Amino acid sequence: MINSNEELVKKLLKEDPAFNKTYHADRDYEKVVAKLEKKPHLTAEERAEKARLKKLKLSLKDEMEKIISSCKM
C-alpha cells in the first residue's frame, strides 16, 4: 500500500469486511509466493502455482485500489 493511504487502509480493515478479506487473502498469497521464491529449484507444478498466485495477488491489489479510490471521492 502507498504510505499516503495508510490511515484509510487501517480504517477500511476495521470497517469494511470485503476489504479486510481481500487484504488478508493478498497477505496469505504473498507468504506462499515468498516461500516458493526461497526455493532454489521449483517443479513445474510449483512454477505454475507461483504464477497463478501472482495473478491472483494482482487481481486482489486492483480490487483494493478500487475500494480505496472510491472512499477518497
Protein backbone atom coordinates (compact mmCIF):
# COMPACT_ATOMS: atom_id res chain seq x y z
CA MET A 1 0.00 0.00 0.00
CA ILE A 2 1.06 3.56 -0.60
CA ASN A 3 2.01 5.41 2.63
CA SER A 4 -0.43 8.26 1.98
CA ASN A 5 -3.23 5.69 2.11
CA GLU A 6 -2.10 4.08 5.36
CA GLU A 7 -4.79 5.63 7.56
CA LEU A 8 -7.51 4.86 5.05
CA VAL A 9 -6.32 1.25 4.80
CA LYS A 10 -6.38 0.91 8.59
CA LYS A 11 -9.92 2.31 8.65
CA LEU A 12 -11.07 0.01 5.86
CA LEU A 13 -9.56 -3.03 7.57
CA LYS A 14 -11.71 -2.26 10.62
CA GLU A 15 -14.90 -1.16 8.88
CA ASP A 16 -15.12 -2.94 5.51
CA PRO A 17 -15.37 -6.75 5.68
CA ALA A 18 -14.82 -7.14 1.92
CA PHE A 19 -11.65 -5.04 2.03
CA ASN A 20 -10.45 -6.92 5.12
CA LYS A 21 -10.99 -10.28 3.41
CA THR A 22 -9.23 -9.14 0.23
CA TYR A 23 -6.32 -7.64 2.16
CA HIS A 24 -5.72 -10.79 4.19
CA ALA A 25 -6.04 -13.06 1.16
CA ASP A 26 -3.36 -10.93 -0.53
CA ARG A 27 -1.09 -11.32 2.52
CA ASP A 28 -1.66 -15.09 2.59
CA TYR A 29 -0.79 -15.42 -1.11
CA GLU A 30 2.30 -13.27 -0.55
CA LYS A 31 3.54 -15.66 2.14
CA VAL A 32 3.17 -18.66 -0.17
CA VAL A 33 4.89 -16.85 -3.05
CA ALA A 34 7.74 -15.85 -0.73
CA LYS A 35 8.22 -19.47 0.35
CA LEU A 36 8.31 -20.59 -3.27
CA GLU A 37 10.80 -17.86 -4.18
CA LYS A 38 13.17 -19.07 -1.45
CA LYS A 39 13.45 -22.49 -3.06
CA PRO A 40 16.50 -22.87 -5.30
CA HIS A 41 14.56 -25.00 -7.82
CA LEU A 42 10.86 -25.22 -8.49
CA THR A 43 8.96 -28.10 -10.04
CA ALA A 44 6.72 -27.37 -12.99
CA GLU A 45 3.74 -27.55 -10.63
CA GLU A 46 5.34 -25.07 -8.22
CA ARG A 47 6.17 -22.65 -11.06
CA ALA A 48 2.56 -22.83 -12.24
CA GLU A 49 1.29 -22.28 -8.69
CA LYS A 50 3.60 -19.30 -8.22
CA ALA A 51 2.38 -17.74 -11.48
CA ARG A 52 -1.25 -18.39 -10.51
CA LEU A 53 -0.80 -16.81 -7.09
CA LYS A 54 0.93 -13.76 -8.55
CA LYS A 55 -2.01 -13.24 -10.91
CA LEU A 56 -4.45 -13.60 -8.02
CA LYS A 57 -2.42 -11.12 -5.96
CA LEU A 58 -2.51 -8.61 -8.81
CA SER A 59 -6.27 -9.01 -9.05
CA LEU A 60 -6.63 -8.51 -5.29
CA LYS A 61 -4.42 -5.39 -5.41
CA ASP A 62 -6.62 -3.97 -8.15
CA GLU A 63 -9.70 -4.70 -6.07
CA MET A 64 -8.20 -2.98 -3.02
CA GLU A 65 -7.17 0.04 -5.08
CA LYS A 66 -10.73 0.38 -6.41
CA ILE A 67 -12.11 0.35 -2.88
CA ILE A 68 -9.53 2.89 -1.72
CA SER A 69 -10.24 5.14 -4.70
CA SER A 70 -13.98 5.00 -4.14
CA CYS A 71 -13.51 6.01 -0.49
CA LYS A 72 -11.47 9.07 -1.49
CA MET A 73 -14.31 10.51 -3.58
